[in-house]
Structures are given as C-alpha cells and as structure tokens.
C-alpha cells in the first residue's frame, strides 16, 4: 500500500506543507520516494544522490529535502 502524503506530518513536515502538496495533486508517494524516505534518511542530514528514470519521482524527493530545510529556517 502506498504511503499517503498525509503521513509526511509524522516525518516532521508541517500540516501546511502537506496541505499544499495535496492541493497540487500529490496524494501518495511513488515507490522511489518511499524508498528514499524510509531507507536513506535524507531528511535527517544524510546526503542522497538519486539516479532513476524519468517520471520516477526524483523531483519530489528534492522538494521534500528543500521543504525540510525551509521549515527549519535554512537556506535552500
């Protein structure tokens, strides 16, 4: 079962950020995004290089990392 974007609140994202993603049509994470979130710790200061085919979800992984930094008042 795919991870709902609503579950990102449990990973430290604000409800406002999750609501914005939902408004633009993001309902669930793609497999690549779920793997990056659960297995690679990129939201906790670990570097991550994503090499994957077009339309696999790379951009949203980057958006999650950028949003995390912005919510913590860091530069992006």
N, C-alpha and C. Protein backbone atom coordinates (compact mmCIF):
# COMPACT_ATOMS: atom_id res chain seq x y z
N UNK A 1 0.85 -1.18 0.00
CA UNK A 1 0.00 0.00 0.00
C UNK A 1 0.90 1.24 0.00
N UNK A 2 0.65 2.19 -0.89
CA UNK A 2 1.48 3.40 -0.97
C UNK A 2 1.39 4.25 0.30
N UNK A 3 2.45 4.97 0.57
CA UNK A 3 2.48 5.90 1.70
C UNK A 3 1.71 7.15 1.30
N UNK A 4 0.72 7.52 2.09
CA UNK A 4 -0.05 8.73 1.84
C UNK A 4 0.80 9.95 2.15
N UNK A 5 0.62 11.01 1.38
CA UNK A 5 1.35 12.25 1.63
C UNK A 5 1.01 12.79 3.03
N UNK A 6 -0.17 12.45 3.54
CA UNK A 6 -0.56 12.89 4.89
C UNK A 6 0.37 12.33 5.96
N UNK A 7 0.99 11.19 5.69
CA UNK A 7 1.89 10.57 6.65
C UNK A 7 3.21 11.34 6.78
N UNK A 8 3.45 12.29 5.91
CA UNK A 8 4.68 13.08 5.99
C UNK A 8 4.70 13.99 7.21
N UNK A 9 3.55 14.26 7.79
CA UNK A 9 3.48 15.03 9.04
C UNK A 9 4.26 14.28 10.13
N UNK A 10 4.15 12.95 10.12
CA UNK A 10 4.87 12.14 11.11
C UNK A 10 6.38 12.19 10.90
N UNK A 11 6.81 12.64 9.72
CA UNK A 11 8.23 12.77 9.42
C UNK A 11 8.73 14.19 9.63
N UNK A 12 7.89 15.02 10.26
CA UNK A 12 8.32 16.35 10.65
C UNK A 12 7.87 17.49 9.76
N UNK A 13 7.10 17.21 8.73
CA UNK A 13 6.61 18.29 7.87
C UNK A 13 5.39 18.94 8.50
N UNK A 14 5.25 20.24 8.29
CA UNK A 14 4.09 20.95 8.83
C UNK A 14 2.84 20.54 8.05
N UNK A 15 1.71 20.67 8.71
CA UNK A 15 0.44 20.36 8.04
C UNK A 15 0.23 21.29 6.86
N UNK A 16 0.68 22.53 6.96
CA UNK A 16 0.52 23.49 5.85
C UNK A 16 1.28 23.02 4.61
N UNK A 17 2.47 22.48 4.80
CA UNK A 17 3.25 21.98 3.66
C UNK A 17 2.57 20.78 3.04
N UNK A 18 2.12 19.86 3.87
CA UNK A 18 1.43 18.66 3.38
C UNK A 18 0.14 19.06 2.66
N UNK A 19 -0.59 20.03 3.19
CA UNK A 19 -1.82 20.50 2.55
C UNK A 19 -1.51 21.11 1.17
N UNK A 20 -0.41 21.84 1.07
CA UNK A 20 -0.02 22.44 -0.22
C UNK A 20 0.29 21.36 -1.24
N UNK A 21 1.02 20.32 -0.83
CA UNK A 21 1.30 19.21 -1.74
C UNK A 21 0.01 18.52 -2.16
N UNK A 22 -0.90 18.34 -1.22
CA UNK A 22 -2.17 17.68 -1.53
C UNK A 22 -2.99 18.52 -2.52
N UNK A 23 -3.01 19.86 -2.32
CA UNK A 23 -3.76 20.73 -3.22
C UNK A 23 -3.24 20.65 -4.66
N UNK A 24 -1.95 20.44 -4.81
CA UNK A 24 -1.41 20.36 -6.17
C UNK A 24 -1.55 18.95 -6.76
N UNK A 25 -2.15 18.04 -6.00
CA UNK A 25 -2.47 16.72 -6.55
C UNK A 25 -1.58 15.58 -6.10
N UNK A 26 -0.70 15.81 -5.15
CA UNK A 26 0.15 14.74 -4.64
C UNK A 26 -0.59 14.05 -3.50
N UNK A 27 -1.05 12.82 -3.75
CA UNK A 27 -1.81 12.08 -2.75
C UNK A 27 -0.99 11.01 -2.05
N UNK A 28 -0.04 10.42 -2.78
CA UNK A 28 0.75 9.32 -2.23
C UNK A 28 2.15 9.37 -2.82
N UNK A 29 3.09 8.80 -2.09
CA UNK A 29 4.47 8.74 -2.57
C UNK A 29 4.63 7.63 -3.59
N UNK A 30 5.47 7.88 -4.56
CA UNK A 30 5.84 6.85 -5.52
C UNK A 30 6.85 5.93 -4.85
N UNK A 31 7.04 4.71 -5.38
CA UNK A 31 7.97 3.77 -4.74
C UNK A 31 9.37 4.34 -4.50
N UNK A 32 9.92 5.07 -5.45
CA UNK A 32 11.24 5.66 -5.28
C UNK A 32 11.25 6.66 -4.13
N UNK A 33 10.21 7.46 -4.01
CA UNK A 33 10.11 8.46 -2.95
C UNK A 33 9.98 7.78 -1.59
N UNK A 34 9.19 6.73 -1.54
CA UNK A 34 9.03 5.98 -0.29
C UNK A 34 10.35 5.35 0.13
N UNK A 35 11.07 4.79 -0.82
CA UNK A 35 12.36 4.18 -0.51
C UNK A 35 13.36 5.22 0.00
N UNK A 36 13.39 6.38 -0.65
CA UNK A 36 14.29 7.46 -0.22
C UNK A 36 13.96 7.89 1.21
N UNK A 37 12.68 7.97 1.51
CA UNK A 37 12.23 8.41 2.83
C UNK A 37 12.54 7.37 3.91
N UNK A 38 12.23 6.11 3.64
CA UNK A 38 12.32 5.08 4.66
C UNK A 38 13.71 4.46 4.80
N UNK A 39 14.46 4.40 3.71
CA UNK A 39 15.71 3.64 3.74
C UNK A 39 16.98 4.48 3.73
N UNK A 40 16.88 5.76 3.36
CA UNK A 40 18.11 6.52 3.16
C UNK A 40 18.28 7.75 4.05
N UNK A 41 17.31 8.08 4.85
CA UNK A 41 17.47 9.13 5.85
C UNK A 41 17.83 10.51 5.33
N UNK A 42 17.46 10.81 4.10
CA UNK A 42 17.85 12.10 3.52
C UNK A 42 17.20 13.29 4.23
N UNK A 43 16.16 13.07 4.99
CA UNK A 43 15.52 14.16 5.73
C UNK A 43 16.21 14.43 7.07
N UNK A 44 17.23 13.65 7.36
CA UNK A 44 17.92 13.79 8.64
C UNK A 44 19.39 14.14 8.45
N UNK A 45 19.68 14.88 7.40
CA UNK A 45 21.02 15.38 7.20
C UNK A 45 21.95 14.48 6.40
N UNK A 46 21.46 13.38 5.91
CA UNK A 46 22.27 12.48 5.11
C UNK A 46 22.18 12.89 3.64
N UNK A 47 23.30 12.86 2.95
CA UNK A 47 23.29 13.17 1.53
C UNK A 47 22.69 12.00 0.75
N UNK A 48 22.05 12.34 -0.37
CA UNK A 48 21.44 11.31 -1.19
C UNK A 48 21.55 11.72 -2.65
N UNK A 49 22.04 10.83 -3.47
CA UNK A 49 22.08 11.02 -4.91
C UNK A 49 21.04 10.08 -5.50
N UNK A 50 20.09 10.64 -6.25
CA UNK A 50 19.03 9.83 -6.84
C UNK A 50 19.27 9.74 -8.34
N UNK A 51 19.43 8.53 -8.81
CA UNK A 51 19.62 8.25 -10.23
C UNK A 51 18.52 7.29 -10.62
N UNK A 52 17.56 7.78 -11.40
CA UNK A 52 16.39 6.98 -11.74
C UNK A 52 15.79 7.48 -13.05
N UNK A 53 14.95 6.66 -13.68
CA UNK A 53 14.32 7.06 -14.94
C UNK A 53 13.40 8.27 -14.80
N UNK A 54 13.11 8.88 -15.92
CA UNK A 54 12.15 9.98 -15.99
C UNK A 54 10.81 9.53 -15.39
N UNK A 55 10.16 10.44 -14.69
CA UNK A 55 8.83 10.22 -14.08
C UNK A 55 8.84 9.21 -12.93
N UNK A 56 9.99 9.01 -12.32
CA UNK A 56 10.05 8.06 -11.20
C UNK A 56 9.89 8.75 -9.86
N UNK A 57 9.96 10.11 -9.83
CA UNK A 57 9.72 10.82 -8.59
C UNK A 57 10.92 11.55 -8.01
N UNK A 58 11.95 11.74 -8.79
CA UNK A 58 13.17 12.40 -8.30
C UNK A 58 12.89 13.84 -7.84
N UNK A 59 12.12 14.58 -8.59
CA UNK A 59 11.88 15.98 -8.27
C UNK A 59 11.20 16.13 -6.92
N UNK A 60 10.24 15.28 -6.62
CA UNK A 60 9.55 15.41 -5.33
C UNK A 60 10.47 15.05 -4.16
N UNK A 61 11.42 14.15 -4.38
CA UNK A 61 12.42 13.87 -3.34
C UNK A 61 13.18 15.16 -3.04
N UNK A 62 13.58 15.86 -4.09
CA UNK A 62 14.28 17.14 -3.91
C UNK A 62 13.38 18.18 -3.24
N UNK A 63 12.11 18.21 -3.61
CA UNK A 63 11.17 19.15 -2.98
C UNK A 63 11.01 18.86 -1.49
N UNK A 64 10.96 17.59 -1.13
CA UNK A 64 10.86 17.25 0.29
C UNK A 64 12.10 17.73 1.05
N UNK A 65 13.27 17.54 0.47
CA UNK A 65 14.50 17.99 1.11
C UNK A 65 14.52 19.51 1.24
N UNK A 66 14.11 20.20 0.18
CA UNK A 66 14.07 21.66 0.21
C UNK A 66 13.05 22.17 1.24
N UNK A 67 11.88 21.56 1.26
CA UNK A 67 10.84 21.96 2.21
C UNK A 67 11.31 21.75 3.65
N UNK A 68 12.01 20.64 3.88
CA UNK A 68 12.53 20.37 5.22
C UNK A 68 13.46 21.51 5.66
N UNK A 69 14.38 21.90 4.76
CA UNK A 69 15.31 22.99 5.08
C UNK A 69 14.57 24.30 5.31
N UNK A 70 13.62 24.61 4.46
CA UNK A 70 12.87 25.87 4.61
C UNK A 70 12.10 25.90 5.93
N UNK A 71 11.49 24.77 6.29
CA UNK A 71 10.72 24.72 7.54
C UNK A 71 11.63 24.86 8.76
N UNK A 72 12.91 24.56 8.60
CA UNK A 72 13.86 24.70 9.70
C UNK A 72 14.64 26.02 9.58
N UNK A 73 14.14 26.92 8.75
CA UNK A 73 14.74 28.25 8.53
C UNK A 73 16.16 28.20 7.98
N UNK A 74 16.44 27.20 7.17
CA UNK A 74 17.73 27.10 6.49
C UNK A 74 17.59 27.58 5.05
N UNK A 75 18.71 27.95 4.46
CA UNK A 75 18.71 28.34 3.04
C UNK A 75 18.58 27.10 2.17
N UNK A 76 17.99 27.32 1.01
CA UNK A 76 17.85 26.25 0.03
C UNK A 76 18.46 26.71 -1.28
